[in-house]
Amino acid sequence: MRLDGDEVRAIAAEARLSLTDEELAKAVRYINNFLDMVDRFKELDLKNVEPFCFAETTECPLREDAFAAFSRIPEILLGRTEGVGSFFKVPRIVDNE
């Protein structure tokens, strides 16, 4: 499966991304390289391969969640550059137009 520039531009628009022509060309190449790599998996004979799972809890048990007080708050607040009381001032990352 391969995508053309119009399809990638439509996907980018759905994600609310605007791409320059140069960015679009790079995205098309990147996506098609990835899809080509995925297509290569179809060539493999996987009939006798058992499924693999990372969340094997019998061999690697997870710790229990436990509530614990965090005592380093004053130390962390000393390292901030801006803020009031026990709050941090963070820069705005979304512009409202």
Protein backbone atom coordinates (compact mmCIF):
# COMPACT_ATOMS: atom_id res chain seq x y z
CA MET A 1 0.00 0.00 0.00
CA ARG A 2 1.30 3.43 -0.90
CA LEU A 3 -0.16 6.88 -0.32
CA ASP A 4 0.04 9.83 -2.66
CA GLY A 5 0.43 13.49 -1.73
CA ASP A 6 -3.31 14.21 -1.78
CA GLU A 7 -4.01 11.37 0.66
CA VAL A 8 -1.24 12.48 3.03
CA ARG A 9 -2.45 16.10 2.84
CA ALA A 10 -6.01 14.92 3.70
CA ILE A 11 -4.70 12.93 6.68
CA ALA A 12 -2.68 15.94 7.83
CA ALA A 13 -5.79 18.13 7.56
CA GLU A 14 -7.72 15.66 9.75
CA ALA A 15 -4.93 16.04 12.32
CA ARG A 16 -5.18 19.83 11.91
CA LEU A 17 -1.68 20.05 10.44
CA SER A 18 -0.76 22.31 7.58
CA LEU A 19 2.23 21.15 5.57
CA THR A 20 4.39 23.07 3.16
CA ASP A 21 5.13 21.36 -0.16
CA GLU A 22 8.56 20.38 1.16
CA GLU A 23 7.10 18.95 4.39
CA LEU A 24 4.45 17.10 2.38
CA ALA A 25 7.09 15.49 0.14
CA LYS A 26 9.07 14.39 3.22
CA ALA A 27 5.93 13.04 4.90
CA VAL A 28 4.93 11.07 1.79
CA ARG A 29 8.40 9.50 1.60
CA TYR A 30 8.48 8.73 5.32
CA ILE A 31 4.99 7.20 5.39
CA ASN A 32 5.57 5.15 2.23
CA ASN A 33 8.91 3.87 3.54
CA PHE A 34 7.14 2.77 6.71
CA LEU A 35 4.31 1.11 4.79
CA ASP A 36 6.83 -0.70 2.56
CA MET A 37 8.57 -2.01 5.67
CA VAL A 38 5.26 -3.23 7.11
CA ASP A 39 4.45 -4.95 3.79
CA ARG A 40 7.68 -6.92 4.09
CA PHE A 41 6.21 -8.73 7.12
CA LYS A 42 3.76 -10.40 4.74
CA GLU A 43 6.70 -12.30 3.26
CA LEU A 44 7.53 -14.01 6.56
CA ASP A 45 6.34 -17.50 7.44
CA LEU A 46 4.94 -17.02 10.94
CA LYS A 47 2.85 -20.19 11.23
CA ASN A 48 4.98 -21.72 14.00
CA VAL A 49 5.77 -18.51 15.88
CA GLU A 50 4.08 -18.22 19.26
CA PRO A 51 2.55 -14.87 20.25
CA PHE A 52 4.75 -12.70 22.45
CA CYS A 53 3.47 -10.59 25.33
CA PHE A 54 5.37 -7.94 27.27
CA ALA A 55 2.93 -7.93 30.18
CA GLU A 56 3.80 -11.39 31.48
CA THR A 57 2.98 -10.87 35.16
CA THR A 58 3.74 -14.42 36.30
CA GLU A 59 7.48 -14.14 35.65
CA CYS A 60 7.83 -10.44 36.38
CA PRO A 61 5.33 -9.45 39.07
CA LEU A 62 4.33 -5.81 39.27
CA ARG A 63 4.53 -3.98 42.57
CA GLU A 64 1.34 -3.02 44.34
CA ASP A 65 0.27 0.58 44.03
CA ALA A 66 0.68 2.35 47.34
CA PHE A 67 -0.05 5.91 48.42
CA ALA A 68 2.99 7.64 49.86
CA ALA A 69 3.52 11.23 50.91
CA PHE A 70 5.95 13.20 48.79
CA SER A 71 8.33 15.07 51.07
CA ARG A 72 10.53 16.92 48.55
CA ILE A 73 8.04 19.66 47.65
CA PRO A 74 9.94 22.53 49.39
CA GLU A 75 13.19 21.44 47.70
CA ILE A 76 11.52 21.36 44.28
CA LEU A 77 9.82 24.74 44.78
CA LEU A 78 13.21 26.33 45.52
CA GLY A 79 14.41 25.38 42.03
CA ARG A 80 11.59 27.07 40.12
CA THR A 81 12.18 30.27 38.19
CA GLU A 82 8.66 31.72 38.46
CA GLY A 83 5.59 31.07 40.56
CA VAL A 84 3.58 32.02 43.61
CA GLY A 85 3.16 30.04 46.83
CA SER A 86 3.20 26.35 46.02
CA PHE A 87 2.49 26.89 42.31
CA PHE A 88 4.69 26.98 39.23
CA LYS A 89 4.16 29.47 36.43
CA VAL A 90 4.45 27.65 33.12
CA PRO A 91 4.66 29.19 29.64
CA ARG A 92 1.57 29.24 27.45
CA ILE A 93 1.82 26.58 24.76
CA VAL A 94 -1.44 27.16 22.91
CA ASP A 95 -2.23 30.52 21.37
CA ASN A 96 -5.88 31.57 21.31
CA GLU A 97 -6.35 33.42 18.07
